[in-house]
């Protein structure tokens, strides 16, 4: 059995995943552990950054999984690339998995719309998919992703599926309630609020709890 390694490259909190709204989850697929260093996926500045530095035949890919679409009927999708050179054959592309099959919608399948800032938007709807001679996705969606599996890189922004902009779900973090939670690098994990160092975290606990312990209210 081939060993499959799934590496999520961004810490995304998916609260109530079974009922959550659609969200983008960056990640990479690596068939052999030795190839793990040549592929990456991250999200920043409003774009999904996908990169594969190893040769195209190497079985790795960078992607953004799109959650929350299960059960929907596909109507349209689109994404924007930083420039034309980032479209290499059928990658990046949408992989749309449905109850009737798998549908690949690559950047080379449609004529992009040039934007004023030099970026290009690739739209996949009934008209553009028909013009490309592709089969329009049927059935209901079971999974979806935007993916790069050729050597190169792409900055993919304005990712939409069924009219919804897909971005990572916000990371939700409760405030620290004990000084020990701030130690051993724990202060770095808090976002509500965030801290610059361990001392700032410890100070927060001291000022928001009674002697560094959580308040207990009794009647």
C-alpha atoms as a PDB file:
ATOM      1  CA  UNK A   1       0.000   0.000   0.000  1.00  0.00           C
ATOM      2  CA  UNK A   2       1.414   3.370  -0.947  1.00  0.00           C
ATOM      3  CA  UNK A   3       2.025   5.724   1.882  1.00  0.00           C
ATOM      4  CA  UNK A   4      -0.011   8.884   1.666  1.00  0.00           C
ATOM      5  CA  UNK A   5       0.899  11.920   3.711  1.00  0.00           C
ATOM      6  CA  UNK A   6      -1.494  14.790   4.087  1.00  0.00           C
ATOM      7  CA  UNK A   7       0.077  17.969   5.423  1.00  0.00           C
ATOM      8  CA  UNK A   8      -2.037  20.960   6.306  1.00  0.00           C
ATOM      9  CA  UNK A   9       0.084  24.051   5.944  1.00  0.00           C
ATOM     10  CA  UNK A  10      -2.193  26.493   7.637  1.00  0.00           C
ATOM     11  CA  UNK A  11      -3.741  26.262  11.089  1.00  0.00           C
ATOM     12  CA  UNK A  12      -7.420  26.635  10.359  1.00  0.00           C
ATOM     13  CA  UNK A  13     -10.112  26.230  13.006  1.00  0.00           C
ATOM     14  CA  UNK A  14     -13.177  24.605  11.481  1.00  0.00           C
ATOM     15  CA  UNK A  15     -15.850  24.979  14.107  1.00  0.00           C
ATOM     16  CA  UNK A  16     -18.861  22.689  13.677  1.00  0.00           C
ATOM     17  CA  UNK A  17     -17.454  21.348  10.432  1.00  0.00           C
ATOM     18  CA  UNK A  18     -20.583  19.421   9.519  1.00  0.00           C
ATOM     19  CA  UNK A  19     -22.647  22.603   9.365  1.00  0.00           C
ATOM     20  CA  UNK A  20     -19.977  25.235   8.708  1.00  0.00           C
ATOM     21  CA  UNK A  21     -20.184  27.688   5.862  1.00  0.00           C
ATOM     22  CA  UNK A  22     -17.814  27.202   2.982  1.00  0.00           C
ATOM     23  CA  UNK A  23     -14.181  27.923   3.830  1.00  0.00           C
ATOM     24  CA  UNK A  24     -10.812  27.563   2.150  1.00  0.00           C
ATOM     25  CA  UNK A  25      -8.327  25.203   3.829  1.00  0.00           C
ATOM     26  CA  UNK A  26      -4.755  25.348   2.428  1.00  0.00           C
ATOM     27  CA  UNK A  27      -2.884  22.037   2.312  1.00  0.00           C
ATOM     28  CA  UNK A  28      -0.575  19.789   0.318  1.00  0.00           C
ATOM     29  CA  UNK A  29      -0.659  16.194  -0.881  1.00  0.00           C
ATOM     30  CA  UNK A  30       2.609  14.235  -0.769  1.00  0.00           C
ATOM     31  CA  UNK A  31       2.870  10.615  -1.855  1.00  0.00           C
ATOM     32  CA  UNK A  32       6.436  10.068  -0.631  1.00  0.00           C
ATOM     33  CA  UNK A  33       7.781  11.761   2.493  1.00  0.00           C
ATOM     34  CA  UNK A  34      11.095  12.558   0.768  1.00  0.00           C
ATOM     35  CA  UNK A  35       9.249  14.975  -1.541  1.00  0.00           C
ATOM     36  CA  UNK A  36       7.523  16.944   1.224  1.00  0.00           C
ATOM     37  CA  UNK A  37       9.876  19.919   0.959  1.00  0.00           C
ATOM     38  CA  UNK A  38       9.072  20.780  -2.644  1.00  0.00           C
ATOM     39  CA  UNK A  39       5.438  21.759  -2.280  1.00  0.00           C
ATOM     40  CA  UNK A  40       3.662  24.399  -0.226  1.00  0.00           C
ATOM     41  CA  UNK A  41       0.300  26.052   0.215  1.00  0.00           C
ATOM     42  CA  UNK A  42      -0.489  29.117   2.316  1.00  0.00           C
ATOM     43  CA  UNK A  43      -2.943  31.988   2.436  1.00  0.00           C
ATOM     44  CA  UNK A  44      -2.027  35.629   2.979  1.00  0.00           C
ATOM     45  CA  UNK A  45      -2.831  39.027   1.560  1.00  0.00           C
ATOM     46  CA  UNK A  46      -6.100  37.793   0.110  1.00  0.00           C
ATOM     47  CA  UNK A  47      -4.463  35.094  -2.027  1.00  0.00           C
ATOM     48  CA  UNK A  48      -3.822  31.377  -1.893  1.00  0.00           C
ATOM     49  CA  UNK A  49      -0.122  30.848  -2.608  1.00  0.00           C
ATOM     50  CA  UNK A  50       0.546  27.497  -4.265  1.00  0.00           C
ATOM     51  CA  UNK A  51       4.033  26.274  -5.177  1.00  0.00           C
ATOM     52  CA  UNK A  52       5.654  23.099  -6.487  1.00  0.00           C
ATOM     53  CA  UNK A  53       9.418  23.297  -7.029  1.00  0.00           C
ATOM     54  CA  UNK A  54      10.021  19.636  -7.906  1.00  0.00           C
ATOM     55  CA  UNK A  55       9.492  18.278 -11.442  1.00  0.00           C
ATOM     56  CA  UNK A  56       5.907  17.933 -12.617  1.00  0.00           C
ATOM     57  CA  UNK A  57       5.950  14.074 -12.624  1.00  0.00           C
ATOM     58  CA  UNK A  58       6.645  14.069  -8.855  1.00  0.00           C
ATOM     59  CA  UNK A  59       3.408  13.038  -7.155  1.00  0.00           C
ATOM     60  CA  UNK A  60       2.784  16.063  -4.980  1.00  0.00           C
ATOM     61  CA  UNK A  61       0.279  18.884  -5.222  1.00  0.00           C
ATOM     62  CA  UNK A  62      -0.595  22.112  -3.455  1.00  0.00           C
ATOM     63  CA  UNK A  63      -4.237  22.946  -2.961  1.00  0.00           C
ATOM     64  CA  UNK A  64      -6.930  24.823  -1.159  1.00  0.00           C
ATOM     65  CA  UNK A  65      -9.722  22.493  -0.070  1.00  0.00           C
ATOM     66  CA  UNK A  66     -13.145  24.139  -0.117  1.00  0.00           C
ATOM     67  CA  UNK A  67     -15.402  22.959   2.682  1.00  0.00           C
ATOM     68  CA  UNK A  68     -19.110  23.447   3.229  1.00  0.00           C
ATOM     69  CA  UNK A  69     -20.259  22.701  -0.318  1.00  0.00           C
ATOM     70  CA  UNK A  70     -21.469  19.142   0.287  1.00  0.00           C
ATOM     71  CA  UNK A  71     -24.939  18.598  -1.157  1.00  0.00           C
ATOM     72  CA  UNK A  72     -24.938  21.713  -3.322  1.00  0.00           C
ATOM     73  CA  UNK A  73     -25.441  21.675  -7.083  1.00  0.00           C
ATOM     74  CA  UNK A  74     -22.570  23.284  -8.976  1.00  0.00           C
ATOM     75  CA  UNK A  75     -23.519  26.471 -10.817  1.00  0.00           C
ATOM     76  CA  UNK A  76     -20.273  28.391 -11.351  1.00  0.00           C
ATOM     77  CA  UNK A  77     -16.750  29.005 -10.098  1.00  0.00           C
ATOM     78  CA  UNK A  78     -13.922  31.437 -10.746  1.00  0.00           C
ATOM     79  CA  UNK A  79     -10.466  32.452  -9.609  1.00  0.00           C
ATOM     80  CA  UNK A  80      -7.933  35.164 -10.417  1.00  0.00           C
ATOM     81  CA  UNK A  81      -4.224  34.679 -11.158  1.00  0.00           C
ATOM     82  CA  UNK A  82      -1.519  37.299 -10.692  1.00  0.00           C
ATOM     83  CA  UNK A  83      -0.450  36.988 -14.338  1.00  0.00           C
ATOM     84  CA  UNK A  84      -0.820  34.827 -17.442  1.00  0.00           C
ATOM     85  CA  UNK A  85       2.404  32.872 -16.871  1.00  0.00           C
ATOM     86  CA  UNK A  86       0.892  31.307 -13.743  1.00  0.00           C
ATOM     87  CA  UNK A  87      -1.524  29.301 -15.903  1.00  0.00           C
ATOM     88  CA  UNK A  88       0.434  26.236 -16.971  1.00  0.00           C
ATOM     89  CA  UNK A  89      -1.652  23.790 -18.914  1.00  0.00           C
ATOM     90  CA  UNK A  90      -4.537  22.661 -16.746  1.00  0.00           C
ATOM     91  CA  UNK A  91      -3.086  24.006 -13.520  1.00  0.00           C
ATOM     92  CA  UNK A  92      -4.218  25.700 -11.361  1.00  0.00           C
ATOM     93  CA  UNK A  93      -7.641  24.147 -11.730  1.00  0.00           C
ATOM     94  CA  UNK A  94     -10.805  23.367  -9.850  1.00  0.00           C
ATOM     95  CA  UNK A  95     -11.362  19.718  -8.951  1.00  0.00           C
ATOM     96  CA  UNK A  96     -15.083  19.320  -8.446  1.00  0.00           C
ATOM     97  CA  UNK A  97     -16.143  15.960  -7.004  1.00  0.00           C
ATOM     98  CA  UNK A  98     -19.837  15.115  -7.200  1.00  0.00           C
ATOM     99  CA  UNK A  99     -22.169  12.176  -6.806  1.00  0.00           C
ATOM    100  CA  UNK A 100     -21.865  11.519 -10.536  1.00  0.00           C
ATOM    101  CA  UNK A 101     -18.111  11.891 -11.064  1.00  0.00           C
ATOM    102  CA  UNK A 102     -15.029  14.118 -10.961  1.00  0.00           C
ATOM    103  CA  UNK A 103     -14.800  17.259 -13.064  1.00  0.00           C
ATOM    104  CA  UNK A 104     -11.572  19.151 -13.833  1.00  0.00           C
ATOM    105  CA  UNK A 105     -11.859  22.834 -14.689  1.00  0.00           C
ATOM    106  CA  UNK A 106      -8.416  24.141 -15.650  1.00  0.00           C
ATOM    107  CA  UNK A 107      -7.227  27.673 -16.308  1.00  0.00           C
ATOM    108  CA  UNK A 108      -6.352  26.671 -19.876  1.00  0.00           C
ATOM    109  CA  UNK A 109      -9.947  25.622 -20.569  1.00  0.00           C
ATOM    110  CA  UNK A 110     -11.440  29.118 -20.631  1.00  0.00           C
ATOM    111  CA  UNK A 111     -10.513  32.533 -21.991  1.00  0.00           C
ATOM    112  CA  UNK A 112      -9.664  34.764 -19.030  1.00  0.00           C
ATOM    113  CA  UNK A 113     -10.848  38.298 -18.439  1.00  0.00           C
ATOM    114  CA  UNK A 114      -8.009  40.805 -18.123  1.00  0.00           C
ATOM    115  CA  UNK A 115      -8.296  43.121 -15.130  1.00  0.00           C
ATOM    116  CA  UNK A 116      -6.978  46.656 -14.835  1.00  0.00           C
ATOM    117  CA  UNK A 117      -4.211  45.642 -12.434  1.00  0.00           C
ATOM    118  CA  UNK A 118      -2.788  43.037 -14.798  1.00  0.00           C
ATOM    119  CA  UNK A 119      -4.411  40.056 -13.111  1.00  0.00           C
ATOM    120  CA  UNK A 120      -6.566  37.574 -15.028  1.00  0.00           C
ATOM    121  CA  UNK A 121      -9.895  36.082 -13.951  1.00  0.00           C
ATOM    122  CA  UNK A 122     -10.921  32.605 -15.102  1.00  0.00           C
ATOM    123  CA  UNK A 123     -14.672  31.929 -14.951  1.00  0.00           C
ATOM    124  CA  UNK A 124     -16.287  28.505 -15.215  1.00  0.00           C
ATOM    125  CA  UNK A 125     -20.010  28.670 -15.878  1.00  0.00           C
ATOM    126  CA  UNK A 126     -22.415  26.945 -18.221  1.00  0.00           C
ATOM    127  CA  UNK A 127     -21.392  29.080 -21.208  1.00  0.00           C
ATOM    128  CA  UNK A 128     -17.601  28.946 -20.770  1.00  0.00           C
ATOM    129  CA  UNK A 129     -17.579  25.228 -19.940  1.00  0.00           C
ATOM    130  CA  UNK A 130     -19.679  24.452 -23.023  1.00  0.00           C
ATOM    131  CA  UNK A 131     -17.392  26.594 -25.198  1.00  0.00           C
ATOM    132  CA  UNK A 132     -14.410  24.598 -23.913  1.00  0.00           C
ATOM    133  CA  UNK A 133     -16.080  21.344 -24.905  1.00  0.00           C
ATOM    134  CA  UNK A 134     -16.116  20.138 -21.289  1.00  0.00           C
ATOM    135  CA  UNK A 135     -18.878  18.390 -19.394  1.00  0.00           C
ATOM    136  CA  UNK A 136     -20.678  20.651 -16.953  1.00  0.00           C
ATOM    137  CA  UNK A 137     -20.532  19.219 -13.406  1.00  0.00           C
ATOM    138  CA  UNK A 138     -23.694  17.290 -12.594  1.00  0.00           C
ATOM    139  CA  UNK A 139     -24.990  15.668  -9.427  1.00  0.00           C
ATOM    140  CA  UNK A 140     -24.370  17.195  -6.023  1.00  0.00           C
ATOM    141  CA  UNK A 141     -20.982  18.253  -4.700  1.00  0.00           C
ATOM    142  CA  UNK A 142     -19.135  15.918  -2.325  1.00  0.00           C
ATOM    143  CA  UNK A 143     -15.811  17.806  -2.303  1.00  0.00           C
ATOM    144  CA  UNK A 144     -14.071  20.650  -4.114  1.00  0.00           C
ATOM    145  CA  UNK A 145     -10.586  22.126  -4.303  1.00  0.00           C
ATOM    146  CA  UNK A 146      -8.433  24.532  -6.274  1.00  0.00           C
ATOM    147  CA  UNK A 147      -5.156  22.778  -7.038  1.00  0.00           C
ATOM    148  CA  UNK A 148      -1.676  23.101  -8.587  1.00  0.00           C
ATOM    149  CA  UNK A 149       0.196  19.914  -9.553  1.00  0.00           C
ATOM    150  CA  UNK A 150       2.742  21.106 -12.137  1.00  0.00           C
ATOM    151  CA  UNK A 151       6.157  22.609 -11.435  1.00  0.00           C
ATOM    152  CA  UNK A 152       5.737  26.304 -10.776  1.00  0.00           C
ATOM    153  CA  UNK A 153       3.770  28.635  -8.554  1.00  0.00           C
ATOM    154  CA  UNK A 154       0.512  30.538  -8.575  1.00  0.00           C
ATOM    155  CA  UNK A 155      -1.071  33.282  -6.508  1.00  0.00           C
ATOM    156  CA  UNK A 156      -4.773  32.498  -6.644  1.00  0.00           C
ATOM    157  CA  UNK A 157      -7.199  35.139  -5.402  1.00  0.00           C
ATOM    158  CA  UNK A 158     -10.922  35.904  -5.608  1.00  0.00           C
ATOM    159  CA  UNK A 159     -11.758  32.192  -5.457  1.00  0.00           C
ATOM    160  CA  UNK A 160     -15.514  31.736  -5.751  1.00  0.00           C
ATOM    161  CA  UNK A 161     -17.792  28.718  -6.001  1.00  0.00           C
ATOM    162  CA  UNK A 162     -21.523  29.122  -6.551  1.00  0.00           C
ATOM    163  CA  UNK A 163     -21.159  32.872  -6.081  1.00  0.00           C
ATOM    164  CA  UNK A 164     -19.500  32.644  -2.657  1.00  0.00           C
ATOM    165  CA  UNK A 165     -16.020  34.041  -2.038  1.00  0.00           C
ATOM    166  CA  UNK A 166     -13.866  31.311  -0.477  1.00  0.00           C
ATOM    167  CA  UNK A 167     -11.414  32.404   2.242  1.00  0.00           C
ATOM    168  CA  UNK A 168      -9.978  30.639   5.296  1.00  0.00           C
ATOM    169  CA  UNK A 169     -12.228  30.496   8.339  1.00  0.00           C
ATOM    170  CA  UNK A 170     -11.005  32.775  11.133  1.00  0.00           C
ATOM    171  CA  UNK A 171      -9.027  31.135  13.907  1.00  0.00           C
ATOM    172  CA  UNK A 172     -10.935  31.471  17.158  1.00  0.00           C
ATOM    173  CA  UNK A 173      -8.971  31.475  20.402  1.00  0.00           C
ATOM    174  CA  UNK A 174     -10.269  32.013  23.932  1.00  0.00           C
ATOM    175  CA  UNK A 175      -8.161  34.245  26.245  1.00  0.00           C
ATOM    176  CA  UNK A 176      -5.694  32.551  28.642  1.00  0.00           C
ATOM    177  CA  UNK A 177      -7.083  31.806  32.099  1.00  0.00           C
ATOM    178  CA  UNK A 178      -3.888  30.648  33.835  1.00  0.00           C
ATOM    179  CA  UNK A 179      -0.255  31.707  33.845  1.00  0.00           C
ATOM    180  CA  UNK A 180       0.821  28.187  32.919  1.00  0.00           C
ATOM    181  CA  UNK A 181      -1.068  28.527  29.617  1.00  0.00           C
ATOM    182  CA  UNK A 182       1.367  31.327  28.695  1.00  0.00           C
ATOM    183  CA  UNK A 183       4.506  29.259  29.273  1.00  0.00           C
ATOM    184  CA  UNK A 184       6.511  27.061  26.888  1.00  0.00           C
ATOM    185  CA  UNK A 185       5.452  29.179  23.917  1.00  0.00           C
ATOM    186  CA  UNK A 186       1.761  28.973  24.761  1.00  0.00           C
ATOM    187  CA  UNK A 187       1.457  32.773  24.522  1.00  0.00           C
ATOM    188  CA  UNK A 188       1.998  32.498  20.768  1.00  0.00           C
ATOM    189  CA  UNK A 189      -1.228  30.518  20.272  1.00  0.00           C
ATOM    190  CA  UNK A 190      -3.621  33.180  21.554  1.00  0.00           C
ATOM    191  CA  UNK A 191      -5.384  35.529  19.139  1.00  0.00           C
ATOM    192  CA  UNK A 192      -8.118  36.966  21.340  1.00  0.00           C
ATOM    193  CA  UNK A 193      -6.120  38.871  22.468  1.00  0.00           C
ATOM    194  CA  UNK A 194      -2.688  38.230  20.956  1.00  0.00           C
ATOM    195  CA  UNK A 195       0.580  38.801  22.846  1.00  0.00           C
ATOM    196  CA  UNK A 196       4.090  39.941  21.932  1.00  0.00           C
ATOM    197  CA  UNK A 197       5.791  37.788  24.544  1.00  0.00           C
ATOM    198  CA  UNK A 198       5.228  35.480  27.529  1.00  0.00           C
ATOM    199  CA  UNK A 199       5.400  38.336  30.040  1.00  0.00           C
ATOM    200  CA  UNK A 200       2.568  40.200  28.359  1.00  0.00           C
ATOM    201  CA  UNK A 201       0.456  37.048  28.464  1.00  0.00           C
ATOM    202  CA  UNK A 202       1.187  36.459  32.153  1.00  0.00           C
ATOM    203  CA  UNK A 203       0.361  40.095  32.901  1.00  0.00           C
ATOM    204  CA  UNK A 204      -2.981  39.711  31.132  1.00  0.00           C
ATOM    205  CA  UNK A 205      -3.862  36.711  33.285  1.00  0.00           C
ATOM    206  CA  UNK A 206      -2.862  38.570  36.462  1.00  0.00           C
ATOM    207  CA  UNK A 207      -5.060  41.545  35.631  1.00  0.00           C
ATOM    208  CA  UNK A 208      -8.082  39.604  34.401  1.00  0.00           C
ATOM    209  CA  UNK A 209      -8.217  36.895  37.045  1.00  0.00           C
ATOM    210  CA  UNK A 210      -7.976  36.930  40.823  1.00  0.00           C
ATOM    211  CA  UNK A 211      -4.315  36.302  41.745  1.00  0.00           C
ATOM    212  CA  UNK A 212      -3.820  34.530  38.433  1.00  0.00           C
ATOM    213  CA  UNK A 213      -6.813  32.267  38.999  1.00  0.00           C
ATOM    214  CA  UNK A 214     -10.139  32.415  37.264  1.00  0.00           C
ATOM    215  CA  UNK A 215     -12.885  34.268  39.125  1.00  0.00           C
ATOM    216  CA  UNK A 216     -15.487  32.028  40.713  1.00  0.00           C
ATOM    217  CA  UNK A 217     -18.893  33.523  41.322  1.00  0.00           C
ATOM    218  CA  UNK A 218     -21.120  32.010  44.000  1.00  0.00           C
ATOM    219  CA  UNK A 219     -24.597  32.912  45.065  1.00  0.00           C
END
